[in-house]
C-alpha atoms as a PDB file:
ATOM      1  CA  MET A   1     -24.730  40.842  19.306  1.00  0.00           C
ATOM      2  CA  THR A   2     -22.125  39.299  17.091  1.00  0.00           C
ATOM      3  CA  SER A   3     -23.037  35.949  15.584  1.00  0.00           C
ATOM      4  CA  THR A   4     -20.413  33.259  15.386  1.00  0.00           C
ATOM      5  CA  GLN A   5     -20.006  31.677  11.977  1.00  0.00           C
ATOM      6  CA  PRO A   6     -18.984  28.029  11.833  1.00  0.00           C
ATOM      7  CA  ALA A   7     -15.434  27.503  10.696  1.00  0.00           C
ATOM      8  CA  ALA A   8     -15.011  26.360   7.128  1.00  0.00           C
ATOM      9  CA  PRO A   9     -13.976  22.749   6.798  1.00  0.00           C
ATOM     10  CA  SER A  10     -10.261  22.424   6.275  1.00  0.00           C
ATOM     11  CA  GLU A  11      -8.558  20.221   3.737  1.00  0.00           C
ATOM     12  CA  PRO A  12      -7.689  16.787   5.142  1.00  0.00           C
ATOM     13  CA  GLY A  13      -4.110  16.591   6.286  1.00  0.00           C
ATOM     14  CA  PRO A  14      -1.768  13.623   6.141  1.00  0.00           C
ATOM     15  CA  ASP A  15      -3.208  12.244   9.379  1.00  0.00           C
ATOM     16  CA  ALA A  16      -6.844  12.474   8.297  1.00  0.00           C
ATOM     17  CA  GLY A  17      -8.690   9.276   8.890  1.00  0.00           C
ATOM     18  CA  THR A  18      -6.374   8.163  11.698  1.00  0.00           C
ATOM     19  CA  ALA A  19      -9.125   8.512  14.281  1.00  0.00           C
ATOM     20  CA  GLU A  20     -11.306   6.231  12.215  1.00  0.00           C
ATOM     21  CA  LYS A  21      -9.005   3.229  11.931  1.00  0.00           C
ATOM     22  CA  LYS A  22     -11.507   1.338  14.042  1.00  0.00           C
ATOM     23  CA  LEU A  23     -14.173   1.851  11.408  1.00  0.00           C
ATOM     24  CA  ARG A  24     -16.813  -0.862  11.681  1.00  0.00           C
ATOM     25  CA  PRO A  25     -18.794  -2.351   8.760  1.00  0.00           C
ATOM     26  CA  GLY A  26     -22.107  -1.149  10.205  1.00  0.00           C
ATOM     27  CA  ARG A  27     -20.931   2.469  10.011  1.00  0.00           C
ATOM     28  CA  THR A  28     -19.407   2.287   6.565  1.00  0.00           C
ATOM     29  CA  ASN A  29     -21.432   4.361   4.110  1.00  0.00           C
ATOM     30  CA  ALA A  30     -21.964   3.490   0.478  1.00  0.00           C
ATOM     31  CA  THR A  31     -19.022   5.581  -0.735  1.00  0.00           C
ATOM     32  CA  ARG A  32     -16.603   3.980   1.663  1.00  0.00           C
ATOM     33  CA  GLN A  33     -17.926   0.530   0.824  1.00  0.00           C
ATOM     34  CA  ARG A  34     -17.222   1.184  -2.864  1.00  0.00           C
ATOM     35  CA  LEU A  35     -13.717   2.308  -1.958  1.00  0.00           C
ATOM     36  CA  PHE A  36     -13.134  -0.842   0.061  1.00  0.00           C
ATOM     37  CA  GLU A  37     -14.348  -3.086  -2.736  1.00  0.00           C
ATOM     38  CA  ALA A  38     -12.340  -1.252  -5.380  1.00  0.00           C
ATOM     39  CA  SER A  39      -9.224  -1.375  -3.214  1.00  0.00           C
ATOM     40  CA  MET A  40      -9.544  -5.090  -2.553  1.00  0.00           C
ATOM     41  CA  GLU A  41      -9.914  -5.823  -6.253  1.00  0.00           C
ATOM     42  CA  LEU A  42      -6.962  -3.723  -7.385  1.00  0.00           C
ATOM     43  CA  ILE A  43      -4.656  -4.704  -4.533  1.00  0.00           C
ATOM     44  CA  GLY A  44      -5.537  -8.344  -5.038  1.00  0.00           C
ATOM     45  CA  GLU A  45      -4.424  -8.070  -8.652  1.00  0.00           C
ATOM     46  CA  ARG A  46      -1.202  -6.075  -8.285  1.00  0.00           C
ATOM     47  CA  GLY A  47      -0.340  -5.777  -4.610  1.00  0.00           C
ATOM     48  CA  ALA A  48      -0.567  -2.744  -2.363  1.00  0.00           C
ATOM     49  CA  ALA A  49       2.544  -1.028  -3.730  1.00  0.00           C
ATOM     50  CA  GLY A  50       1.370  -1.303  -7.323  1.00  0.00           C
ATOM     51  CA  VAL A  51      -1.911   0.553  -6.871  1.00  0.00           C
ATOM     52  CA  THR A  52      -2.349   4.327  -6.811  1.00  0.00           C
ATOM     53  CA  VAL A  53      -5.019   6.430  -5.128  1.00  0.00           C
ATOM     54  CA  ASP A  54      -6.072   7.669  -8.585  1.00  0.00           C
ATOM     55  CA  GLU A  55      -6.767   4.079  -9.676  1.00  0.00           C
ATOM     56  CA  ILE A  56      -8.688   3.290  -6.506  1.00  0.00           C
ATOM     57  CA  ALA A  57     -10.815   6.409  -6.916  1.00  0.00           C
ATOM     58  CA  ALA A  58     -11.515   5.681 -10.592  1.00  0.00           C
ATOM     59  CA  ALA A  59     -12.478   2.069  -9.877  1.00  0.00           C
ATOM     60  CA  ALA A  60     -14.810   3.175  -7.075  1.00  0.00           C
ATOM     61  CA  GLY A  61     -16.341   5.914  -9.202  1.00  0.00           C
ATOM     62  CA  VAL A  62     -15.345   8.732  -6.833  1.00  0.00           C
ATOM     63  CA  SER A  63     -12.913  11.630  -6.943  1.00  0.00           C
ATOM     64  CA  LYS A  64      -9.369  11.397  -5.645  1.00  0.00           C
ATOM     65  CA  GLY A  65     -10.292  14.051  -3.080  1.00  0.00           C
ATOM     66  CA  THR A  66     -13.021  11.786  -1.731  1.00  0.00           C
ATOM     67  CA  VAL A  67     -10.444   9.093  -1.004  1.00  0.00           C
ATOM     68  CA  TYR A  68      -8.281  11.543   0.927  1.00  0.00           C
ATOM     69  CA  TYR A  69     -11.314  12.979   2.720  1.00  0.00           C
ATOM     70  CA  ASN A  70     -12.449   9.539   3.888  1.00  0.00           C
ATOM     71  CA  PHE A  71      -9.071   7.962   4.602  1.00  0.00           C
ATOM     72  CA  GLY A  72      -6.306  10.584   4.611  1.00  0.00           C
ATOM     73  CA  SER A  73      -3.814   8.573   2.564  1.00  0.00           C
ATOM     74  CA  LYS A  74      -3.360   5.312   0.719  1.00  0.00           C
ATOM     75  CA  SER A  75      -1.639   3.881   3.766  1.00  0.00           C
ATOM     76  CA  ASP A  76      -4.616   4.732   5.986  1.00  0.00           C
ATOM     77  CA  LEU A  77      -6.977   3.340   3.357  1.00  0.00           C
ATOM     78  CA  ILE A  78      -5.217  -0.026   3.389  1.00  0.00           C
ATOM     79  CA  ALA A  79      -5.084  -0.052   7.187  1.00  0.00           C
ATOM     80  CA  GLN A  80      -8.841   0.477   7.300  1.00  0.00           C
ATOM     81  CA  LEU A  81      -9.339  -2.122   4.566  1.00  0.00           C
ATOM     82  CA  LEU A  82      -7.557  -4.649   6.759  1.00  0.00           C
ATOM     83  CA  ARG A  83      -9.645  -3.600   9.763  1.00  0.00           C
ATOM     84  CA  HIS A  84     -12.830  -3.826   7.699  1.00  0.00           C
ATOM     85  CA  GLY A  85     -12.085  -7.318   6.443  1.00  0.00           C
ATOM     86  CA  VAL A  86     -11.163  -8.675   9.849  1.00  0.00           C
ATOM     87  CA  ASP A  87     -14.293  -7.150  11.363  1.00  0.00           C
ATOM     88  CA  ILE A  88     -16.428  -8.980   8.810  1.00  0.00           C
ATOM     89  CA  MET A  89     -14.664 -12.257   9.578  1.00  0.00           C
ATOM     90  CA  LEU A  90     -14.934 -11.769  13.345  1.00  0.00           C
ATOM     91  CA  VAL A  91     -18.654 -11.053  13.158  1.00  0.00           C
ATOM     92  CA  ARG A  92     -19.199 -14.245  11.170  1.00  0.00           C
ATOM     93  CA  LEU A  93     -17.036 -16.397  13.425  1.00  0.00           C
ATOM     94  CA  GLN A  94     -18.667 -15.065  16.571  1.00  0.00           C
ATOM     95  CA  ALA A  95     -22.134 -15.561  15.078  1.00  0.00           C
ATOM     96  CA  ILE A  96     -21.598 -19.337  14.842  1.00  0.00           C
ATOM     97  CA  GLU A  97     -19.691 -19.627  18.109  1.00  0.00           C
ATOM     98  CA  GLY A  98     -21.399 -22.102  20.421  1.00  0.00           C
ATOM     99  CA  GLN A  99     -23.942 -23.281  17.861  1.00  0.00           C
ATOM    100  CA  ALA A 100     -22.594 -26.854  17.992  1.00  0.00           C
ATOM    101  CA  SER A 101     -22.463 -28.763  21.263  1.00  0.00           C
ATOM    102  CA  ASP A 102     -19.430 -30.806  20.138  1.00  0.00           C
ATOM    103  CA  PRO A 103     -16.373 -28.492  20.344  1.00  0.00           C
ATOM    104  CA  LEU A 104     -14.671 -30.265  17.432  1.00  0.00           C
ATOM    105  CA  GLU A 105     -17.759 -29.739  15.306  1.00  0.00           C
ATOM    106  CA  ALA A 106     -17.826 -26.101  16.421  1.00  0.00           C
ATOM    107  CA  MET A 107     -14.206 -25.729  15.335  1.00  0.00           C
ATOM    108  CA  LYS A 108     -15.034 -27.319  11.983  1.00  0.00           C
ATOM    109  CA  ASN A 109     -17.873 -24.838  11.511  1.00  0.00           C
ATOM    110  CA  MET A 110     -15.531 -21.984  12.346  1.00  0.00           C
ATOM    111  CA  VAL A 111     -12.945 -23.117   9.795  1.00  0.00           C
ATOM    112  CA  GLY A 112     -15.714 -23.505   7.219  1.00  0.00           C
ATOM    113  CA  GLN A 113     -16.936 -19.988   7.918  1.00  0.00           C
ATOM    114  CA  ALA A 114     -13.411 -18.630   7.487  1.00  0.00           C
ATOM    115  CA  MET A 115     -13.090 -20.470   4.163  1.00  0.00           C
ATOM    116  CA  GLU A 116     -16.414 -19.024   3.042  1.00  0.00           C
ATOM    117  CA  PHE A 117     -15.169 -15.537   3.907  1.00  0.00           C
ATOM    118  CA  MET A 118     -12.063 -16.118   1.796  1.00  0.00           C
ATOM    119  CA  ASP A 119     -14.192 -17.306  -1.124  1.00  0.00           C
ATOM    120  CA  GLU A 120     -16.201 -14.095  -0.884  1.00  0.00           C
ATOM    121  CA  TYR A 121     -13.186 -11.814  -0.357  1.00  0.00           C
ATOM    122  CA  PRO A 122     -10.264 -13.508  -2.154  1.00  0.00           C
ATOM    123  CA  SER A 123      -8.424 -10.239  -2.712  1.00  0.00           C
ATOM    124  CA  PHE A 124      -8.451  -9.505   1.002  1.00  0.00           C
ATOM    125  CA  ALA A 125      -7.011 -12.934   1.706  1.00  0.00           C
ATOM    126  CA  ARG A 126      -4.227 -12.361  -0.846  1.00  0.00           C
ATOM    127  CA  LEU A 127      -3.470  -8.954   0.671  1.00  0.00           C
ATOM    128  CA  TRP A 128      -3.260 -10.510   4.118  1.00  0.00           C
ATOM    129  CA  VAL A 129      -0.862 -13.248   3.054  1.00  0.00           C
ATOM    130  CA  SER A 130       1.329 -11.006   0.889  1.00  0.00           C
ATOM    131  CA  GLU A 131       1.756  -8.231   3.470  1.00  0.00           C
ATOM    132  CA  ASN A 132       1.358  -9.888   6.873  1.00  0.00           C
ATOM    133  CA  TRP A 133       4.843 -11.395   7.121  1.00  0.00           C
ATOM    134  CA  ARG A 134       6.701  -8.608   5.324  1.00  0.00           C
ATOM    135  CA  THR A 135       9.500  -7.345   7.611  1.00  0.00           C
ATOM    136  CA  PRO A 136       9.735  -4.487   8.108  1.00  0.00           C
ATOM    137  CA  GLY A 137       6.204  -3.764   7.009  1.00  0.00           C
ATOM    138  CA  GLU A 138       4.262  -0.541   6.648  1.00  0.00           C
ATOM    139  CA  TRP A 139       1.259  -2.024   8.435  1.00  0.00           C
ATOM    140  CA  SER A 140       3.077  -4.269  10.925  1.00  0.00           C
ATOM    141  CA  ALA A 141       1.323  -2.732  13.935  1.00  0.00           C
ATOM    142  CA  VAL A 142      -2.087  -3.086  12.280  1.00  0.00           C
ATOM    143  CA  PHE A 143      -1.410  -6.711  11.377  1.00  0.00           C
ATOM    144  CA  ALA A 144      -0.225  -7.488  14.907  1.00  0.00           C
ATOM    145  CA  GLU A 145      -3.416  -6.086  16.407  1.00  0.00           C
ATOM    146  CA  LEU A 146      -5.753  -7.820  13.956  1.00  0.00           C
ATOM    147  CA  ARG A 147      -3.855 -11.107  14.118  1.00  0.00           C
ATOM    148  CA  ALA A 148      -4.198 -11.090  17.911  1.00  0.00           C
ATOM    149  CA  GLU A 149      -7.960 -10.628  17.612  1.00  0.00           C
ATOM    150  CA  LEU A 150      -8.332 -13.540  15.200  1.00  0.00           C
ATOM    151  CA  LEU A 151      -6.029 -15.785  17.232  1.00  0.00           C
ATOM    152  CA  ALA A 152      -8.097 -15.023  20.339  1.00  0.00           C
ATOM    153  CA  VAL A 153     -11.198 -16.424  18.635  1.00  0.00           C
ATOM    154  CA  ILE A 154      -9.296 -19.513  17.494  1.00  0.00           C
ATOM    155  CA  GLY A 155      -7.799 -19.847  20.967  1.00  0.00           C
ATOM    156  CA  SER A 156     -11.246 -19.863  22.559  1.00  0.00           C
ATOM    157  CA  ALA A 157     -12.330 -22.638  20.217  1.00  0.00           C
ATOM    158  CA  VAL A 158      -9.186 -24.645  21.004  1.00  0.00           C
ATOM    159  CA  GLU A 159      -9.812 -24.129  24.709  1.00  0.00           C
ATOM    160  CA  ARG A 160     -13.285 -25.638  24.362  1.00  0.00           C
ATOM    161  CA  VAL A 161     -11.816 -28.656  22.567  1.00  0.00           C
ATOM    162  CA  ALA A 162      -9.274 -29.090  25.371  1.00  0.00           C
ATOM    163  CA  ALA A 163     -12.095 -28.930  27.929  1.00  0.00           C
ATOM    164  CA  GLY A 164     -14.168 -31.554  26.128  1.00  0.00           C
ATOM    165  CA  TYR A 165     -11.509 -33.985  24.946  1.00  0.00           C
ATOM    166  CA  LYS A 166      -8.262 -35.495  26.161  1.00  0.00           C
ATOM    167  CA  VAL A 167      -5.579 -33.594  24.261  1.00  0.00           C
ATOM    168  CA  ASP A 168      -1.821 -33.757  23.784  1.00  0.00           C
ATOM    169  CA  GLU A 169      -0.561 -31.369  26.465  1.00  0.00           C
ATOM    170  CA  SER A 170       2.932 -31.382  24.969  1.00  0.00           C
ATOM    171  CA  ILE A 171       1.689 -29.252  22.075  1.00  0.00           C
ATOM    172  CA  VAL A 172       2.207 -25.552  22.718  1.00  0.00           C
ATOM    173  CA  ARG A 173      -1.203 -23.916  22.523  1.00  0.00           C
ATOM    174  CA  GLY A 174       0.055 -20.752  20.829  1.00  0.00           C
ATOM    175  CA  SER A 175       1.794 -22.728  18.096  1.00  0.00           C
ATOM    176  CA  LEU A 176      -1.351 -24.798  17.565  1.00  0.00           C
ATOM    177  CA  GLU A 177      -3.480 -21.678  17.140  1.00  0.00           C
ATOM    178  CA  ALA A 178      -0.936 -20.200  14.723  1.00  0.00           C
ATOM    179  CA  ALA A 179      -0.902 -23.447  12.717  1.00  0.00           C
ATOM    180  CA  ILE A 180      -4.681 -23.408  12.347  1.00  0.00           C
ATOM    181  CA  PHE A 181      -4.678 -19.707  11.503  1.00  0.00           C
ATOM    182  CA  GLY A 182      -1.992 -20.076   8.853  1.00  0.00           C
ATOM    183  CA  ALA A 183      -3.498 -23.242   7.386  1.00  0.00           C
ATOM    184  CA  ILE A 184      -6.850 -21.539   6.835  1.00  0.00           C
ATOM    185  CA  PHE A 185      -5.249 -18.860   4.667  1.00  0.00           C
ATOM    186  CA  VAL A 186      -2.744 -21.089   2.863  1.00  0.00           C
ATOM    187  CA  VAL A 187      -5.156 -23.954   2.117  1.00  0.00           C
ATOM    188  CA  GLY A 188      -7.922 -21.556   1.155  1.00  0.00           C
ATOM    189  CA  LEU A 189      -5.750 -19.556  -1.237  1.00  0.00           C
ATOM    190  CA  ASP A 190      -4.164 -22.703  -2.675  1.00  0.00           C
ATOM    191  CA  ARG A 191      -7.624 -23.974  -3.587  1.00  0.00           C
ATOM    192  CA  GLN A 192      -8.598 -20.664  -5.181  1.00  0.00           C
ATOM    193  CA  THR A 193      -5.366 -20.261  -7.130  1.00  0.00           C
ATOM    194  CA  TYR A 194      -4.242 -23.741  -8.098  1.00  0.00           C
ATOM    195  CA  ASN A 195      -6.960 -26.268  -7.278  1.00  0.00           C
ATOM    196  CA  PRO A 196     -10.417 -24.769  -7.860  1.00  0.00           C
ATOM    197  CA  GLU A 197     -11.812 -28.260  -8.380  1.00  0.00           C
ATOM    198  CA  ARG A 198     -11.396 -28.954  -4.671  1.00  0.00           C
ATOM    199  CA  THR A 199     -14.453 -28.318  -2.570  1.00  0.00           C
ATOM    200  CA  ARG A 200     -14.596 -26.095   0.464  1.00  0.00           C
ATOM    201  CA  GLU A 201     -15.420 -29.174   2.538  1.00  0.00           C
ATOM    202  CA  GLN A 202     -12.191 -30.853   1.409  1.00  0.00           C
ATOM    203  CA  SER A 203     -10.196 -27.796   2.412  1.00  0.00           C
ATOM    204  CA  VAL A 204     -11.902 -27.659   5.798  1.00  0.00           C
ATOM    205  CA  ALA A 205     -11.159 -31.350   6.359  1.00  0.00           C
ATOM    206  CA  ALA A 206      -7.466 -30.754   5.583  1.00  0.00           C
ATOM    207  CA  VAL A 207      -7.223 -27.959   8.164  1.00  0.00           C
ATOM    208  CA  MET A 208      -9.103 -30.028  10.731  1.00  0.00           C
ATOM    209  CA  THR A 209      -6.424 -32.725  10.620  1.00  0.00           C
ATOM    210  CA  ILE A 210      -4.422 -30.347  12.823  1.00  0.00           C
ATOM    211  CA  MET A 211      -7.107 -30.473  15.498  1.00  0.00           C
ATOM    212  CA  HIS A 212      -7.609 -34.209  15.188  1.00  0.00           C
ATOM    213  CA  GLY A 213      -3.887 -34.645  15.778  1.00  0.00           C
ATOM    214  CA  TYR A 214      -4.238 -32.552  18.947  1.00  0.00           C
ATOM    215  CA  VAL A 215      -6.925 -34.846  20.339  1.00  0.00           C
ATOM    216  CA  VAL A 216      -5.613 -38.039  21.968  1.00  0.00           C
ATOM    217  CA  LYS A 217      -7.453 -41.109  20.740  1.00  0.00           C
END
């Protein structure tokens, strides 16, 4: 009888890591978590184009080969970094969904949670803002998918406000959701970069003026 030996693992090709672009935080091991954190820090400082795989590996305390083994390429690494960050935010937003009976209060809590996420992951927020509207962009398809997921959560919250309050029906719902979404990032980053003396509560209140304008008094 001839025994069958397992095939030796091959070197990761350029598409390695593609199947794992849906990587979830719960399945991220310690090495990958270090890579994510190192990437966020470096990219937040110099932008995605200004960071090399060698630098990411050194900052994470792993070999360059480990980066390629886990992610396939720098482009895949950043795509998974974006996925990772949005997953964290979605989990937090969904965890507080429905905790407040007043839909406006629930929306306020959601905005506050998003601001807290940005305080914890400022480099991710800077990466999102710097790359999201770049046209054409290397990660345009990834951004489109992730943006749709975040807007869906905001849209559900807006829908609950519209069900509980008299609202201005002339306002296009999609534009309203985009305004809230954009304001969270812009106001949050403005506070971090230029006005650190402002409190998170003040930033939340500023974003919530959009919703209060939607509600008919």
